[in-house]
Amino acid sequence: MRTRNIIAVLLGLMIWSLPGYAQSKLPLSMNEAISTGLKNSKTLRIADSKVKQSKARLFEINTNKYAWLKFSGTYTRLSSVDPAIIDMHIPGVPAFNISPSILDNYSLKLSAVQPLFTGFKLSAGSDAAEFTWKATEADYNKEREDLVFTIRTSYWNLFKAIEMKKLLDENVQQVQAHVNDAKNMMNNGMVTNNDVLKLEVQLSDIKYKQVDAANGVRLAVIALNNALGIPLSTGTQITETAGLPRAGYDNLDQLLDNSYSKRAELKAAEYRIKTGEAGVTAAEAGWYPQVALVGNYNYARPNQRIFPTKDEFTGTWDASVSVSFDIWDWNSRSHQTEQAEMQLLQAKDGLSVVKDAITLEVTQNFLNMNQAKERIAISELAKQQAEDNYRMTTDKFKQGLALSSELIDAEVAWLQAKTNYTTALVDYELAVARLQKSAAETSF
C-alpha cells in the first residue's frame, strides 16, 4: 500500500510539473461543466454521425418508391457487309437496296420505371429504415446521458478530493500547534520528551497524507478535464459544493414508471422490435408478384424500328407493364422469412432483458440513495461528537491532565469523523446522480 501511494504521489508531481500545466484557470459550475463536455465530446459526435447516416439511409430507401429515370447512349462502328439488294429482273424495274450498310450507329435511350406493387417490400423497407434511424437517435441520447453522468461523477470526485486536502491542511496546522505546545510544556517539565516525539510522528504521518491528498486533487482535475474534452493541463476549478439531502426521489414506483417511458435503451429496443416486424414483412414480399410500369424513348441512327433502314436520327417510344414472380427458388423465401422472424424474436427478448435490468438498476440506486442520506445524519452526529471530544482533550492536554496519546487519538477520531462526513455528502450527490440517470430524471 505504501509503495502504491508513493508511485501515485510521484506521478501526480510529474504531471503537475509539466510545462504549462494548470497555467489557465477555468472556474465551472456543474451546468457549465456539462455544457462544455457535451460540446467537446468526440463520442457524441460519432453517435450523431450515426444518426445522420441512418437518416440518409432512410431517404435513400424512400427513393425506391418513385419512378426513376435512366439515360444511356452508345456509338457502334460496324464492319462493312454487302447491302441487301433485290433485283426483280423485270425490264424497266431497277434493283433496289432494302438494307443499306450503315457503318456508324448511334443510339440514345431514356428509360423510366415506376414500381406499382412489390408485395409491400418497399413500404416495409422504408419502415425498417425509419425505425433504425429512431433507434440510432435513442442510442445517441444514451451516450449523452452516460456522458452527463460521467461529468457529474468527476465533478463531485474533484470536490471530495479538494475537501480531503482542506481537512488535512487544517489537521497539519493543528498538530503542528500541539507539537509547539508540547515542546513548551516539556521545557516546563509538564510532559516528557517521549510525548513530544509521539506528536512529531503524528505530524509526519499527517504531512505524508497531505502530499497524497494534493496528488489526489491533481489527478481528479485531470479526470474531470478528460471528461470535459479539454486540455488536461487546464486548471479547472469547481464552484459548487455538496449539500444536505433535498426533497424528491422518494417514490420508487414513480421513478420506475418514468424510467420505463423515458430510458433511451428501452426506446431503442422498442424501435428495434418495430424494425424486426418490418423486416418480416419485407422477407414475405417474395411470395407476391412484382409489378412495375416501364417506359422507354429511343432516339437512334438508324432506328431499327424504321423500315427500310435510313441513315438518320429517328425517335420512337414504348410503354409496358412488367410482372415477375419467382415460381421456384429452392425455398429461399421461407429461409429469409425464418431469419427475419428470429431477428424479431431476439429483439423482443432483448427488450425484456433491458427492462428487467432497468428495474433492478433503479431499485438499487433508490435504496443506495436512501442509505447515503441516512449516513449523512449519522456522520454529522459523529463529527459533532468528535469535535467536542477533540476540544476537551486539547484543553486537558494544555493543562497537563491528558496524555499525548489521548490527544493523538482525539485528533485521529476528529479527522476520521470529518472525512466520513465529507464522504457521506459526496456519496449522496453521486447516489442522486446515479438515480437520476437510471430513472431518466436528469434535468439537463
Protein backbone atom coordinates (compact mmCIF):
# COMPACT_ATOMS: atom_id res chain seq x y z
CA MET A 1 0.00 0.00 0.00
CA ARG A 2 2.84 2.40 0.92
CA THR A 3 4.61 1.71 -2.40
CA ARG A 4 1.44 2.36 -4.38
CA ASN A 5 0.91 5.67 -2.60
CA ILE A 6 4.47 6.76 -3.32
CA ILE A 7 4.03 5.93 -7.02
CA ALA A 8 0.77 7.90 -7.11
CA VAL A 9 2.44 10.90 -5.49
CA LEU A 10 5.38 10.83 -7.91
CA LEU A 11 3.04 10.51 -10.89
CA GLY A 12 0.99 13.47 -9.75
CA LEU A 13 4.09 15.59 -9.18
CA MET A 14 5.40 14.71 -12.64
CA ILE A 15 2.13 15.68 -14.29
CA TRP A 16 1.86 18.87 -12.25
CA SER A 17 5.37 19.89 -13.23
CA LEU A 18 4.75 19.58 -16.98
CA PRO A 19 5.30 22.86 -18.90
CA GLY A 20 2.14 24.91 -18.99
CA TYR A 21 0.28 22.68 -16.58
CA ALA A 22 -2.52 24.48 -14.76
CA GLN A 23 -1.48 27.84 -16.15
CA SER A 24 -5.02 28.59 -17.33
CA LYS A 25 -7.82 28.80 -14.77
CA LEU A 26 -11.32 27.66 -15.65
CA PRO A 27 -13.97 28.02 -12.93
CA LEU A 28 -17.03 25.92 -13.76
CA SER A 29 -20.42 25.29 -12.25
CA MET A 30 -21.96 21.86 -12.73
CA ASN A 31 -24.13 23.03 -15.64
CA GLU A 32 -21.21 24.81 -17.27
CA ALA A 33 -19.11 21.67 -16.95
CA ILE A 34 -21.84 19.56 -18.56
CA SER A 35 -22.30 22.06 -21.40
CA THR A 36 -18.55 22.06 -22.05
CA GLY A 37 -18.38 18.28 -22.05
CA LEU A 38 -21.34 17.89 -24.41
CA LYS A 39 -19.86 20.41 -26.81
CA ASN A 40 -16.41 18.79 -26.91
CA SER A 41 -17.31 15.10 -26.82
CA LYS A 42 -15.93 13.10 -29.74
CA THR A 43 -18.07 10.14 -28.67
CA LEU A 44 -21.20 12.23 -29.10
CA ARG A 45 -20.03 13.44 -32.49
CA ILE A 46 -19.58 9.83 -33.58
CA ALA A 47 -23.05 8.95 -32.30
CA ASP A 48 -24.52 11.99 -34.06
CA SER A 49 -22.88 10.99 -37.34
CA LYS A 50 -24.51 7.57 -37.00
CA VAL A 51 -27.90 9.26 -36.61
CA LYS A 52 -27.32 11.30 -39.76
CA GLN A 53 -26.11 8.21 -41.58
CA SER A 54 -29.30 6.32 -40.64
CA LYS A 55 -31.43 9.27 -41.73
CA ALA A 56 -29.66 9.41 -45.10
CA ARG A 57 -30.26 5.66 -45.47
CA LEU A 58 -33.98 6.25 -44.89
CA PHE A 59 -34.08 8.88 -47.63
CA GLU A 60 -32.19 6.57 -49.95
CA ILE A 61 -34.65 3.71 -49.43
CA ASN A 62 -37.65 6.01 -49.89
CA THR A 63 -36.41 6.96 -53.36
CA ASN A 64 -37.16 3.39 -54.46
CA LYS A 65 -40.87 4.14 -54.20
CA TYR A 66 -40.76 6.66 -57.02
CA ALA A 67 -40.12 6.47 -60.73
CA TRP A 68 -36.51 6.68 -61.73
CA LEU A 69 -35.10 7.88 -65.00
CA LYS A 70 -32.07 6.44 -66.73
CA PHE A 71 -30.27 7.80 -69.76
CA SER A 72 -27.85 5.79 -71.88
CA GLY A 73 -26.04 6.44 -75.13
CA THR A 74 -23.89 4.27 -77.38
CA TYR A 75 -21.87 4.58 -80.53
CA THR A 76 -21.04 1.47 -82.57
CA ARG A 77 -18.83 1.10 -85.62
CA LEU A 78 -19.81 -1.89 -87.78
CA SER A 79 -17.71 -3.84 -90.23
CA SER A 80 -18.58 -3.44 -93.86
CA VAL A 81 -21.01 -6.02 -95.37
CA ASP A 82 -22.70 -6.27 -98.72
CA PRO A 83 -26.05 -4.47 -98.79
CA ALA A 84 -29.27 -6.46 -99.27
CA ILE A 85 -30.31 -5.68 -102.88
CA ILE A 86 -33.45 -7.02 -104.51
CA ASP A 87 -33.39 -7.37 -108.28
CA MET A 88 -36.73 -8.43 -109.85
CA HIS A 89 -35.08 -8.89 -113.25
CA ILE A 90 -38.08 -7.16 -114.75
CA PRO A 91 -37.42 -4.89 -117.65
CA GLY A 92 -37.86 -1.29 -116.57
CA VAL A 93 -37.80 -2.16 -112.85
CA PRO A 94 -34.45 -1.22 -111.30
CA ALA A 95 -32.90 -3.18 -108.44
CA PHE A 96 -33.28 -1.54 -105.04
CA ASN A 97 -31.45 -1.74 -101.69
CA ILE A 98 -33.71 -2.77 -98.78
CA SER A 99 -30.96 -2.80 -96.13
CA PRO A 100 -28.18 -0.35 -96.80
CA SER A 101 -24.91 -0.96 -94.98
CA ILE A 102 -24.75 1.84 -92.38
CA LEU A 103 -21.45 1.52 -90.57
CA ASP A 104 -21.83 4.30 -87.95
CA ASN A 105 -24.61 3.54 -85.45
CA TYR A 106 -25.82 5.96 -82.76
CA SER A 107 -28.33 5.21 -80.02
CA LEU A 108 -29.77 7.45 -77.29
CA LYS A 109 -32.23 5.95 -74.79
CA LEU A 110 -34.28 7.43 -71.94
CA SER A 111 -35.96 4.87 -69.66
CA ALA A 112 -38.43 5.31 -66.81
CA VAL A 113 -39.54 2.64 -64.30
CA GLN A 114 -42.31 3.12 -61.74
CA PRO A 115 -42.90 0.29 -59.23
CA LEU A 116 -46.62 -0.42 -58.92
CA PHE A 117 -46.66 -3.35 -56.49
CA THR A 118 -43.73 -5.02 -54.72
CA GLY A 119 -45.53 -7.20 -52.22
CA PHE A 120 -45.17 -4.43 -49.58
CA LYS A 121 -41.39 -4.74 -49.77
CA LEU A 122 -40.74 -1.06 -50.40
CA SER A 123 -43.02 0.19 -47.63
CA ALA A 124 -41.58 -2.38 -45.21
CA GLY A 125 -38.05 -1.37 -46.14
CA SER A 126 -38.93 2.26 -45.53
CA ASP A 127 -40.45 1.43 -42.13
CA ALA A 128 -37.40 -0.61 -41.14
CA ALA A 129 -35.06 2.24 -42.10
CA GLU A 130 -37.16 4.77 -40.20
CA PHE A 131 -37.23 2.68 -37.02
CA THR A 132 -33.50 2.04 -37.32
CA TRP A 133 -32.98 5.80 -37.55
CA LYS A 134 -35.08 6.36 -34.43
CA ALA A 135 -33.24 3.58 -32.60
CA THR A 136 -29.96 5.27 -33.51
CA GLU A 137 -31.31 8.54 -32.11
CA ALA A 138 -32.12 6.72 -28.88
CA ASP A 139 -28.55 5.35 -28.82
CA TYR A 140 -27.30 8.93 -29.18
CA ASN A 141 -29.42 10.01 -26.22
CA LYS A 142 -27.99 7.17 -24.15
CA GLU A 143 -24.45 8.26 -24.99
CA ARG A 144 -25.42 11.77 -23.95
CA GLU A 145 -26.86 10.59 -20.62
CA ASP A 146 -23.77 8.49 -19.95
CA LEU A 147 -21.51 11.47 -20.60
CA VAL A 148 -23.55 13.73 -18.31
CA PHE A 149 -23.27 11.13 -15.55
CA THR A 150 -19.52 10.79 -16.08
CA ILE A 151 -19.09 14.57 -15.80
CA ARG A 152 -21.21 14.72 -12.65
CA THR A 153 -19.19 11.91 -11.09
CA SER A 154 -15.85 13.51 -11.99
CA TYR A 155 -17.07 16.88 -10.69
CA TRP A 156 -18.04 15.51 -7.28
CA ASN A 157 -14.90 13.39 -7.05
CA LEU A 158 -12.89 16.57 -7.52
CA PHE A 159 -14.94 18.27 -4.81
CA LYS A 160 -14.24 15.34 -2.49
CA ALA A 161 -10.51 15.44 -3.22
CA ILE A 162 -10.39 19.18 -2.52
CA GLU A 163 -12.25 18.78 0.76
CA MET A 164 -9.96 15.96 1.84
CA LYS A 165 -6.95 18.17 1.21
CA LYS A 166 -8.52 21.03 3.18
CA LEU A 167 -9.09 18.74 6.14
CA LEU A 168 -5.50 17.53 6.08
CA ASP A 169 -4.17 21.07 5.68
CA GLU A 170 -6.17 22.08 8.74
CA ASN A 171 -5.05 18.99 10.64
CA VAL A 172 -1.38 19.70 9.87
CA GLN A 173 -1.74 23.17 11.38
CA GLN A 174 -3.44 21.76 14.47
CA VAL A 175 -0.87 19.03 15.06
CA GLN A 176 1.98 21.49 14.45
CA ALA A 177 0.47 23.75 17.12
CA HIS A 178 0.26 20.80 19.50
CA VAL A 179 3.91 19.96 18.86
CA ASN A 180 4.88 23.54 19.68
CA ASP A 181 2.75 23.46 22.85
CA ALA A 182 4.25 20.13 23.87
CA LYS A 183 7.80 21.46 23.48
CA ASN A 184 6.96 24.43 25.70
CA MET A 185 5.35 22.13 28.24
CA MET A 186 8.43 19.85 28.16
CA ASN A 187 10.62 22.85 28.93
CA ASN A 188 8.40 23.45 31.94
CA GLY A 189 8.56 19.79 32.95
CA MET A 190 4.86 19.14 32.26
CA VAL A 191 5.41 16.43 29.60
CA THR A 192 8.21 14.12 28.66
CA ASN A 193 10.34 14.07 25.53
CA ASN A 194 8.55 10.88 24.51
CA ASP A 195 5.24 12.78 24.45
CA VAL A 196 6.77 15.30 22.08
CA LEU A 197 8.15 12.54 19.85
CA LYS A 198 4.71 10.91 19.61
CA LEU A 199 3.21 14.17 18.40
CA GLU A 200 6.04 14.72 15.91
CA VAL A 201 5.49 11.23 14.50
CA GLN A 202 1.80 12.07 14.20
CA LEU A 203 2.72 15.29 12.38
CA SER A 204 4.93 13.43 9.89
CA ASP A 205 2.17 10.95 9.15
CA ILE A 206 -0.35 13.74 8.53
CA LYS A 207 2.11 15.55 6.23
CA TYR A 208 2.53 12.38 4.22
CA LYS A 209 -1.23 12.13 3.85
CA GLN A 210 -1.29 15.81 2.91
CA VAL A 211 1.01 15.16 -0.05
CA ASP A 212 -1.14 12.22 -1.07
CA ALA A 213 -4.26 14.42 -0.88
CA ALA A 214 -2.64 17.12 -3.04
CA ASN A 215 -1.83 14.47 -5.59
CA GLY A 216 -5.43 13.27 -5.44
CA VAL A 217 -6.67 16.77 -6.28
CA ARG A 218 -4.39 16.98 -9.32
CA LEU A 219 -5.47 13.58 -10.60
CA ALA A 220 -9.14 14.47 -10.03
CA VAL A 221 -8.67 17.67 -12.08
CA ILE A 222 -7.15 15.62 -14.89
CA ALA A 223 -10.04 13.15 -14.78
CA LEU A 224 -12.58 15.99 -14.98
CA ASN A 225 -10.70 17.68 -17.83
CA ASN A 226 -10.66 14.40 -19.71
CA ALA A 227 -14.43 14.03 -19.27
CA LEU A 228 -14.90 17.62 -20.49
CA GLY A 229 -12.74 17.07 -23.56
CA ILE A 230 -10.44 19.99 -22.72
CA PRO A 231 -6.62 20.03 -22.38
CA LEU A 232 -5.52 18.02 -19.36
CA SER A 233 -3.28 20.89 -18.28
CA THR A 234 -6.26 23.22 -17.73
CA GLY A 235 -6.52 24.38 -14.13
CA THR A 236 -10.22 23.60 -13.80
CA GLN A 237 -11.88 24.96 -10.67
CA ILE A 238 -15.32 23.92 -9.45
CA THR A 239 -17.74 26.42 -7.93
CA GLU A 240 -20.38 24.17 -6.37
CA THR A 241 -20.36 22.31 -3.07
CA ALA A 242 -22.13 19.18 -1.92
CA GLY A 243 -25.16 19.98 0.21
CA LEU A 244 -27.52 18.30 2.61
CA PRO A 245 -30.20 15.90 1.32
CA ARG A 246 -33.01 17.56 -0.58
CA ALA A 247 -36.63 16.65 -1.14
CA GLY A 248 -37.72 14.44 -4.01
CA TYR A 249 -36.94 11.00 -5.37
CA ASP A 250 -38.94 9.30 -2.62
CA ASN A 251 -41.45 7.35 -4.74
CA LEU A 252 -39.92 4.21 -6.24
CA ASP A 253 -42.97 3.31 -8.36
CA GLN A 254 -42.99 6.77 -9.93
CA LEU A 255 -39.27 6.53 -10.68
CA LEU A 256 -39.76 3.14 -12.31
CA ASP A 257 -42.66 4.38 -14.45
CA ASN A 258 -40.60 7.36 -15.52
CA SER A 259 -37.65 5.16 -16.48
CA TYR A 260 -39.92 2.83 -18.49
CA SER A 261 -41.26 5.75 -20.51
CA LYS A 262 -38.05 7.74 -20.98
CA ARG A 263 -34.98 5.48 -20.85
CA ALA A 264 -33.15 5.63 -24.16
CA GLU A 265 -32.24 1.93 -24.01
CA LEU A 266 -35.91 0.97 -23.84
CA LYS A 267 -36.85 3.27 -26.69
CA ALA A 268 -34.05 1.84 -28.81
CA ALA A 269 -35.17 -1.72 -28.01
CA GLU A 270 -38.78 -0.87 -28.88
CA TYR A 271 -37.75 0.63 -32.22
CA ARG A 272 -35.67 -2.44 -33.00
CA ILE A 273 -38.75 -4.60 -32.45
CA LYS A 274 -40.61 -2.49 -34.98
CA THR A 275 -37.62 -2.78 -37.30
CA GLY A 276 -37.82 -6.56 -36.92
CA GLU A 277 -41.53 -6.56 -37.74
CA ALA A 278 -40.87 -4.55 -40.88
CA GLY A 279 -38.09 -6.99 -41.74
CA VAL A 280 -40.54 -9.92 -41.59
CA THR A 281 -42.92 -8.06 -43.92
CA ALA A 282 -40.07 -7.35 -46.34
CA ALA A 283 -38.99 -11.00 -46.31
CA GLU A 284 -42.55 -12.15 -47.04
CA ALA A 285 -42.71 -9.84 -50.07
CA GLY A 286 -41.09 -12.58 -52.13
CA TRP A 287 -44.36 -14.51 -52.06
CA TYR A 288 -46.06 -11.79 -54.14
CA PRO A 289 -45.62 -10.81 -57.79
CA GLN A 290 -43.57 -7.72 -58.59
CA VAL A 291 -45.37 -5.25 -60.87
CA ALA A 292 -43.84 -2.18 -62.50
CA LEU A 293 -44.65 0.31 -65.27
CA VAL A 294 -41.79 0.70 -67.78
CA GLY A 295 -41.39 3.35 -70.46
CA ASN A 296 -38.59 3.94 -72.98
CA TYR A 297 -37.82 6.61 -75.55
CA ASN A 298 -35.26 5.67 -78.23
CA TYR A 299 -33.57 8.21 -80.47
CA ALA A 300 -31.30 6.28 -82.82
CA ARG A 301 -29.46 6.47 -86.12
CA PRO A 302 -30.50 4.22 -87.70
CA ASN A 303 -33.64 3.29 -85.75
CA GLN A 304 -34.22 -0.46 -86.04
CA ARG A 305 -37.98 0.02 -85.95
CA ILE A 306 -37.95 2.05 -89.14
CA PHE A 307 -38.09 0.13 -92.38
CA PRO A 308 -36.49 0.49 -94.73
CA THR A 309 -33.40 1.42 -92.75
CA LYS A 310 -32.37 5.06 -93.04
CA ASP A 311 -29.11 6.73 -92.07
CA GLU A 312 -30.80 9.43 -89.97
CA PHE A 313 -31.90 10.04 -86.34
CA THR A 314 -35.45 8.91 -85.62
CA GLY A 315 -37.30 8.81 -82.31
CA THR A 316 -39.67 6.05 -81.14
CA TRP A 317 -41.16 5.11 -77.78
CA ASP A 318 -42.63 2.13 -75.98
CA ALA A 319 -44.53 1.52 -72.71
CA SER A 320 -45.19 -1.71 -70.89
CA VAL A 321 -46.37 -3.27 -67.64
CA SER A 322 -43.84 -5.71 -66.20
CA VAL A 323 -44.93 -8.60 -63.98
CA SER A 324 -42.46 -11.06 -62.45
CA PHE A 325 -42.91 -13.87 -59.97
CA ASP A 326 -40.44 -16.43 -58.67
CA ILE A 327 -42.08 -19.83 -59.16
CA TRP A 328 -39.35 -21.89 -57.53
CA ASP A 329 -36.27 -20.71 -55.65
CA TRP A 330 -35.41 -23.77 -53.55
CA ASN A 331 -37.39 -22.41 -50.61
CA SER A 332 -35.16 -19.33 -50.33
CA ARG A 333 -38.12 -17.13 -49.37
CA SER A 334 -39.03 -19.41 -46.46
CA HIS A 335 -35.48 -19.27 -45.13
CA GLN A 336 -35.40 -15.48 -45.45
CA THR A 337 -38.69 -15.20 -43.59
CA GLU A 338 -37.45 -17.51 -40.84
CA GLN A 339 -34.31 -15.39 -40.40
CA ALA A 340 -36.41 -12.24 -40.10
CA GLU A 341 -38.71 -13.89 -37.57
CA MET A 342 -35.75 -14.99 -35.44
CA GLN A 343 -34.34 -11.47 -35.51
CA LEU A 344 -37.73 -10.19 -34.36
CA LEU A 345 -37.78 -12.74 -31.53
CA GLN A 346 -34.31 -11.64 -30.45
CA ALA A 347 -35.43 -8.00 -30.42
CA LYS A 348 -38.45 -8.84 -28.24
CA ASP A 349 -36.36 -10.82 -25.78
CA GLY A 350 -33.80 -8.01 -25.81
CA LEU A 351 -36.49 -5.55 -24.75
CA SER A 352 -37.47 -7.79 -21.85
CA VAL A 353 -33.83 -8.11 -20.73
CA VAL A 354 -33.29 -4.34 -20.88
CA LYS A 355 -36.47 -3.65 -18.89
CA ASP A 356 -35.51 -6.14 -16.18
CA ALA A 357 -32.04 -4.61 -15.95
CA ILE A 358 -33.51 -1.11 -15.64
CA THR A 359 -35.90 -2.25 -12.91
CA LEU A 360 -33.00 -3.69 -10.92
CA GLU A 361 -30.81 -0.64 -11.54
CA VAL A 362 -33.43 1.90 -10.45
CA THR A 363 -34.34 -0.12 -7.36
CA GLN A 364 -30.72 -0.50 -6.29
CA ASN A 365 -29.95 3.17 -6.87
CA PHE A 366 -33.08 4.19 -4.97
CA LEU A 367 -32.06 2.11 -1.95
CA ASN A 368 -28.45 3.31 -2.16
CA MET A 369 -29.58 6.93 -2.24
CA ASN A 370 -31.69 6.47 0.90
CA GLN A 371 -28.78 4.71 2.56
CA ALA A 372 -26.47 7.58 1.63
CA LYS A 373 -28.99 10.03 3.07
CA GLU A 374 -29.05 8.17 6.40
CA ARG A 375 -25.27 8.10 6.52
CA ILE A 376 -25.16 11.89 6.34
CA ALA A 377 -27.21 12.23 9.53
CA ILE A 378 -25.12 9.61 11.34
CA SER A 379 -21.78 11.04 10.21
CA GLU A 380 -22.86 14.57 11.11
CA LEU A 381 -23.62 13.48 14.67
CA ALA A 382 -20.31 11.60 14.88
CA LYS A 383 -18.49 14.71 13.60
CA GLN A 384 -20.03 16.89 16.31
CA GLN A 385 -19.10 14.35 18.99
CA ALA A 386 -15.54 14.07 17.69
CA GLU A 387 -15.17 17.86 17.61
CA ASP A 388 -16.38 18.15 21.22
CA ASN A 389 -14.06 15.36 22.33
CA TYR A 390 -11.12 16.88 20.50
CA ARG A 391 -11.75 20.31 22.03
CA MET A 392 -12.00 18.93 25.58
CA THR A 393 -8.93 16.69 25.14
CA THR A 394 -6.92 19.64 23.81
CA ASP A 395 -7.84 21.73 26.84
CA LYS A 396 -6.88 18.90 29.19
CA PHE A 397 -3.56 18.38 27.41
CA LYS A 398 -2.66 22.04 27.74
CA GLN A 399 -3.42 21.78 31.46
CA GLY A 400 -1.32 18.63 31.75
CA LEU A 401 -4.37 16.50 32.52
CA ALA A 402 -4.24 14.37 29.33
CA LEU A 403 -1.51 12.30 27.75
CA SER A 404 -0.17 12.94 24.26
CA SER A 405 -1.53 9.56 23.18
CA GLU A 406 -5.02 10.66 24.22
CA LEU A 407 -4.61 13.87 22.22
CA ILE A 408 -3.42 11.89 19.20
CA ASP A 409 -6.41 9.55 19.47
CA ALA A 410 -8.77 12.54 19.65
CA GLU A 411 -7.11 14.12 16.60
CA VAL A 412 -7.36 10.91 14.61
CA ALA A 413 -11.01 10.48 15.59
CA TRP A 414 -11.73 14.12 14.66
CA LEU A 415 -10.09 13.75 11.25
CA GLN A 416 -11.84 10.45 10.56
CA ALA A 417 -15.22 11.86 11.56
CA LYS A 418 -14.86 14.91 9.29
CA THR A 419 -13.62 12.69 6.48
CA ASN A 420 -16.62 10.40 6.91
CA TYR A 421 -18.98 13.38 6.86
CA THR A 422 -17.49 14.81 3.65
CA THR A 423 -17.52 11.36 2.08
CA ALA A 424 -21.15 10.94 3.05
CA LEU A 425 -22.09 14.25 1.40
CA VAL A 426 -20.29 13.34 -1.82
CA ASP A 427 -21.63 9.79 -1.80
CA TYR A 428 -25.12 11.23 -1.56
CA GLU A 429 -24.54 13.51 -4.56
CA LEU A 430 -23.16 10.57 -6.54
CA ALA A 431 -26.11 8.39 -5.47
CA VAL A 432 -28.54 11.08 -6.62
CA ALA A 433 -26.71 11.35 -9.95
CA ARG A 434 -26.91 7.58 -10.44
CA LEU A 435 -30.61 7.57 -9.56
CA GLN A 436 -31.33 10.49 -11.88
CA LYS A 437 -29.58 8.72 -14.73
CA SER A 438 -31.24 5.36 -14.14
CA ALA A 439 -34.71 6.89 -13.73
CA ALA A 440 -34.23 9.34 -16.64
CA GLU A 441 -34.82 12.20 -14.21
CA THR A 442 -31.89 14.32 -15.30
CA SER A 443 -32.93 17.91 -15.94
CA PHE A 444 -30.01 18.84 -18.19
